[in-house]
Amino acid sequence: METLKGSAFKEPFPHLIFDNFYNQEELDLIWEELNFYTKPNKLFEAKDFGGAFEKTNSHAIALDELYSKKYRSISNILTVNRKLFDPDILMSFAKVHDCCRIATECNYDVTKVRYYHDKEYYKPHIDTYFQYLAFSYFYKEPKKFSGGELYFPKYNYDYSCENNSMIIFPGWVEHGVRKVSIKNSDFYDGLGRYCISSFFGSKSASALKAINNSNGQVYDRGAAK
């Protein structure tokens, strides 16, 4: 049986880190989809999907908009990333700090795939709409780019975003992505930095209904206990 070991930190803010989060079979499925998206007209600028265009020039796709609830199983990523919501994973995060304890009551999540190529970045920001964030990182090896660290300016703290690692932390923690630098590479080579971003938390039944009725972006998972 697979065993995952996370490293929990209370300082400088509550967060949980996993190395080698996905096994090889899961990684193969993830890369099938990442390679598919790294083709012309599949990853979008922030202004084209309602993202924070004033903060980032990176490209992304919102998977919950692409795959409605009925068709989510078509996506390898939306299938494999359910691993994040294993009760043991959520409980490990919930134990880090009191502000993380309702992670075990998670009943909604949103997933984006984001890709950073040369000169792409994300300025510091907070995600006020979501209680918790989980970022999984991927790149082709050997690594061809520099930069791309996840950084937390208020805490003077950087996270290196190693291949197949994951970090989970509260949405109120300000964070950004340092500019990626990569030479002699076309955007569609896919030699930059990928992130599967999971935004999750707990909402009332009425709030979930209102969100789903308004834009269909939030997937009501049911309580992950």
Protein backbone atom coordinates (compact mmCIF):
# COMPACT_ATOMS: atom_id res chain seq x y z
CA MET A 1 0.00 0.00 0.00
CA GLU A 2 1.32 3.45 -0.93
CA THR A 3 2.57 5.58 1.95
CA LEU A 4 2.93 9.35 1.65
CA LYS A 5 4.92 11.35 4.16
CA GLY A 6 4.36 15.06 4.46
CA SER A 7 6.39 17.70 6.27
CA ALA A 8 4.26 20.02 8.39
CA PHE A 9 5.30 23.56 9.29
CA LYS A 10 3.64 26.09 11.57
CA GLU A 11 6.14 28.83 10.73
CA PRO A 12 6.43 31.21 9.03
CA PHE A 13 2.79 30.30 8.24
CA PRO A 14 0.92 26.97 8.40
CA HIS A 15 1.74 24.71 5.46
CA LEU A 16 2.24 21.09 4.50
CA ILE A 17 4.73 19.85 1.89
CA PHE A 18 4.87 16.51 0.08
CA ASP A 19 7.74 15.31 -2.10
CA ASN A 20 6.96 12.78 -4.85
CA PHE A 21 3.24 13.11 -4.25
CA TYR A 22 2.12 11.13 -7.30
CA ASN A 23 3.30 7.64 -8.23
CA GLN A 24 4.61 6.83 -11.70
CA GLU A 25 1.27 5.61 -13.07
CA GLU A 26 -0.41 8.82 -11.90
CA LEU A 27 2.41 10.95 -13.32
CA ASP A 28 2.05 9.29 -16.72
CA LEU A 29 -1.64 10.18 -16.75
CA ILE A 30 -0.94 13.76 -15.69
CA TRP A 31 1.71 14.24 -18.38
CA GLU A 32 -0.61 12.89 -21.07
CA GLU A 33 -2.95 15.76 -20.31
CA LEU A 34 -0.28 18.42 -19.75
CA ASN A 35 1.27 17.60 -23.12
CA PHE A 36 -2.15 17.84 -24.76
CA TYR A 37 -2.76 21.31 -23.31
CA THR A 38 0.67 22.56 -24.39
CA LYS A 39 -0.47 23.03 -27.96
CA PRO A 40 -1.69 26.16 -29.77
CA ASN A 41 -5.02 27.62 -28.60
CA LYS A 42 -5.36 25.42 -25.51
CA LEU A 43 -3.77 27.49 -22.72
CA PHE A 44 -5.14 31.00 -22.30
CA GLU A 45 -3.98 34.38 -21.07
CA ALA A 46 -5.61 35.48 -17.83
CA LYS A 47 -7.72 38.10 -19.58
CA ASP A 48 -9.37 35.39 -21.67
CA PHE A 49 -10.75 33.31 -18.80
CA GLY A 50 -11.43 35.86 -16.07
CA GLY A 51 -8.05 35.53 -14.37
CA ALA A 52 -5.99 38.19 -12.62
CA PHE A 53 -4.50 39.67 -15.81
CA GLU A 54 -3.07 42.61 -13.86
CA LYS A 55 -1.03 40.16 -11.76
CA THR A 56 0.22 37.51 -14.18
CA ASN A 57 1.26 36.94 -17.79
CA SER A 58 1.29 33.14 -17.44
CA HIS A 59 -1.11 30.86 -19.32
CA ALA A 60 -3.74 28.57 -17.80
CA ILE A 61 -6.92 26.61 -18.30
CA ALA A 62 -9.76 26.17 -15.79
CA LEU A 63 -10.59 22.47 -15.91
CA ASP A 64 -13.96 22.73 -14.14
CA GLU A 65 -15.22 24.95 -16.93
CA LEU A 66 -13.90 22.59 -19.58
CA TYR A 67 -15.31 19.42 -18.01
CA SER A 68 -18.77 19.70 -16.49
CA LYS A 69 -19.69 17.48 -13.57
CA LYS A 70 -21.03 14.80 -15.90
CA TYR A 71 -17.77 14.60 -17.87
CA ARG A 72 -15.09 15.13 -15.21
CA SER A 73 -13.88 11.54 -15.52
CA ILE A 74 -12.63 12.32 -19.04
CA SER A 75 -9.83 14.40 -17.51
CA ASN A 76 -6.85 12.43 -16.19
CA ILE A 77 -5.93 15.35 -13.95
CA LEU A 78 -9.38 15.78 -12.41
CA THR A 79 -9.39 12.05 -11.72
CA VAL A 80 -5.87 11.68 -10.35
CA ASN A 81 -5.91 14.84 -8.22
CA ARG A 82 -8.71 13.38 -6.07
CA LYS A 83 -5.74 11.95 -4.19
CA LEU A 84 -5.40 15.33 -2.49
CA PHE A 85 -8.77 14.79 -0.81
CA ASP A 86 -7.90 11.48 0.80
CA PRO A 87 -9.04 11.78 4.46
CA ASP A 88 -5.49 11.09 5.69
CA ILE A 89 -4.07 13.92 3.59
CA LEU A 90 -6.70 16.40 4.72
CA MET A 91 -6.32 15.32 8.35
CA SER A 92 -2.55 15.80 8.15
CA PHE A 93 -3.09 19.34 6.94
CA ALA A 94 -5.86 19.99 9.49
CA LYS A 95 -3.46 19.13 12.31
CA VAL A 96 -0.85 21.71 11.26
CA HIS A 97 -2.71 24.65 12.87
CA ASP A 98 -6.19 25.55 14.10
CA CYS A 99 -6.78 27.65 10.99
CA CYS A 100 -6.44 24.48 8.90
CA ARG A 101 -8.77 22.27 10.91
CA ILE A 102 -11.88 22.58 8.72
CA ALA A 103 -9.97 21.13 5.75
CA THR A 104 -11.50 17.78 6.67
CA GLU A 105 -14.94 19.31 6.00
CA CYS A 106 -14.00 20.13 2.41
CA ASN A 107 -17.00 19.91 0.09
CA TYR A 108 -15.90 21.91 -2.97
CA ASP A 109 -12.83 22.44 -5.11
CA VAL A 110 -11.69 24.11 -8.31
CA THR A 111 -8.75 23.02 -10.47
CA LYS A 112 -6.58 24.99 -12.88
CA VAL A 113 -3.58 23.98 -14.94
CA ARG A 114 -1.04 26.81 -15.23
CA TYR A 115 2.10 26.92 -17.35
CA TYR A 116 5.02 29.34 -17.04
CA HIS A 117 7.45 29.78 -19.89
CA ASP A 118 10.16 32.41 -20.43
CA LYS A 119 9.56 35.76 -18.70
CA GLU A 120 6.27 34.61 -17.15
CA TYR A 121 5.43 35.32 -13.50
CA TYR A 122 2.66 35.91 -10.98
CA LYS A 123 2.78 38.96 -8.71
CA PRO A 124 2.06 38.51 -4.98
CA HIS A 125 -1.61 38.14 -4.13
CA ILE A 126 -4.01 36.37 -1.79
CA ASP A 127 -6.92 34.11 -2.72
CA THR A 128 -9.72 35.48 -0.56
CA TYR A 129 -12.45 33.39 -2.18
CA PHE A 130 -10.88 30.07 -1.18
CA GLN A 131 -9.97 28.80 2.28
CA TYR A 132 -7.11 26.55 1.16
CA LEU A 133 -4.74 26.12 -1.76
CA ALA A 134 -2.78 23.09 -2.94
CA PHE A 135 -0.18 23.53 -5.66
CA SER A 136 1.43 20.54 -7.41
CA TYR A 137 4.49 21.18 -9.59
CA PHE A 138 5.79 19.46 -12.69
CA TYR A 139 8.54 19.95 -15.25
CA LYS A 140 10.39 17.84 -17.77
CA GLU A 141 13.77 16.57 -16.67
CA PRO A 142 16.51 17.53 -16.96
CA LYS A 143 15.22 20.90 -15.83
CA LYS A 144 15.72 23.57 -18.51
CA PHE A 145 14.58 26.74 -16.72
CA SER A 146 15.57 28.86 -13.75
CA GLY A 147 13.37 30.90 -11.45
CA GLY A 148 9.72 30.03 -10.97
CA GLU A 149 9.94 29.74 -7.20
CA LEU A 150 6.78 30.21 -5.17
CA TYR A 151 7.53 33.10 -2.84
CA PHE A 152 5.90 34.67 0.17
CA PRO A 153 7.14 38.27 0.43
CA LYS A 154 5.68 39.04 3.84
CA TYR A 155 7.51 36.07 5.33
CA ASN A 156 10.80 36.25 3.41
CA TYR A 157 10.21 32.65 2.41
CA ASP A 158 10.67 30.82 -0.90
CA TYR A 159 9.55 27.35 -1.96
CA SER A 160 11.59 25.77 -4.76
CA CYS A 161 8.68 23.88 -6.41
CA GLU A 162 10.56 20.66 -7.12
CA ASN A 163 9.17 18.26 -9.70
CA ASN A 164 6.18 16.25 -8.37
CA SER A 165 6.06 18.16 -5.09
CA MET A 166 2.97 19.65 -3.47
CA ILE A 167 2.45 22.47 -0.99
CA ILE A 168 -0.83 23.13 0.86
CA PHE A 169 -1.52 26.37 2.76
CA PRO A 170 -4.36 28.77 3.65
CA GLY A 171 -5.69 31.11 0.98
CA TRP A 172 -5.03 34.20 3.12
CA VAL A 173 -1.26 33.75 2.83
CA GLU A 174 0.14 36.17 0.25
CA HIS A 175 2.13 34.38 -2.46
CA GLY A 176 3.57 34.91 -5.92
CA VAL A 177 5.70 33.19 -8.57
CA ARG A 178 9.13 34.50 -9.51
CA LYS A 179 9.83 35.11 -13.19
CA VAL A 180 10.83 32.02 -15.17
CA SER A 181 13.89 32.19 -17.42
CA ILE A 182 14.43 29.64 -20.18
CA LYS A 183 16.70 29.88 -23.22
CA ASN A 184 16.43 28.35 -26.67
CA SER A 185 12.97 26.95 -26.11
CA ASP A 186 9.71 27.52 -27.91
CA PHE A 187 6.63 27.90 -25.69
CA TYR A 188 5.14 24.69 -27.06
CA ASP A 189 8.23 22.63 -26.24
CA GLY A 190 6.71 22.35 -22.77
CA LEU A 191 10.07 22.79 -21.04
CA GLY A 192 8.77 25.36 -18.56
CA ARG A 193 7.07 25.08 -15.18
CA TYR A 194 3.64 23.51 -14.76
CA CYS A 195 1.36 23.86 -11.76
CA ILE A 196 -1.87 22.06 -11.03
CA SER A 197 -3.66 24.45 -8.69
CA SER A 198 -6.41 23.14 -6.42
CA PHE A 199 -8.56 25.70 -4.59
CA PHE A 200 -10.73 24.08 -1.95
CA GLY A 201 -12.70 24.50 1.24
CA SER A 202 -16.11 24.20 2.86
CA LYS A 203 -19.31 26.02 1.92
CA SER A 204 -22.95 25.79 2.94
CA ALA A 205 -25.39 23.91 0.71
CA SER A 206 -27.08 27.18 -0.28
CA ALA A 207 -23.75 28.78 -1.21
CA LEU A 208 -22.78 25.79 -3.33
CA LYS A 209 -26.12 25.90 -5.13
CA ALA A 210 -25.77 29.61 -5.86
CA ILE A 211 -22.24 29.19 -7.20
CA ASN A 212 -23.14 26.27 -9.43
CA ASN A 213 -26.21 28.08 -10.75
CA SER A 214 -24.23 31.22 -11.55
CA ASN A 215 -21.22 29.88 -13.42
CA GLY A 216 -20.76 26.15 -12.93
CA GLN A 217 -17.13 26.56 -11.96
CA VAL A 218 -17.29 24.89 -8.56
CA TYR A 219 -17.63 21.16 -8.29
CA ASP A 220 -19.63 20.00 -5.28
CA ARG A 221 -17.64 16.99 -4.13
CA GLY A 222 -19.60 16.04 -1.07
CA ALA A 223 -17.84 16.04 2.30
CA ALA A 224 -14.44 14.39 2.17
CA LYS A 225 -14.43 12.71 5.57
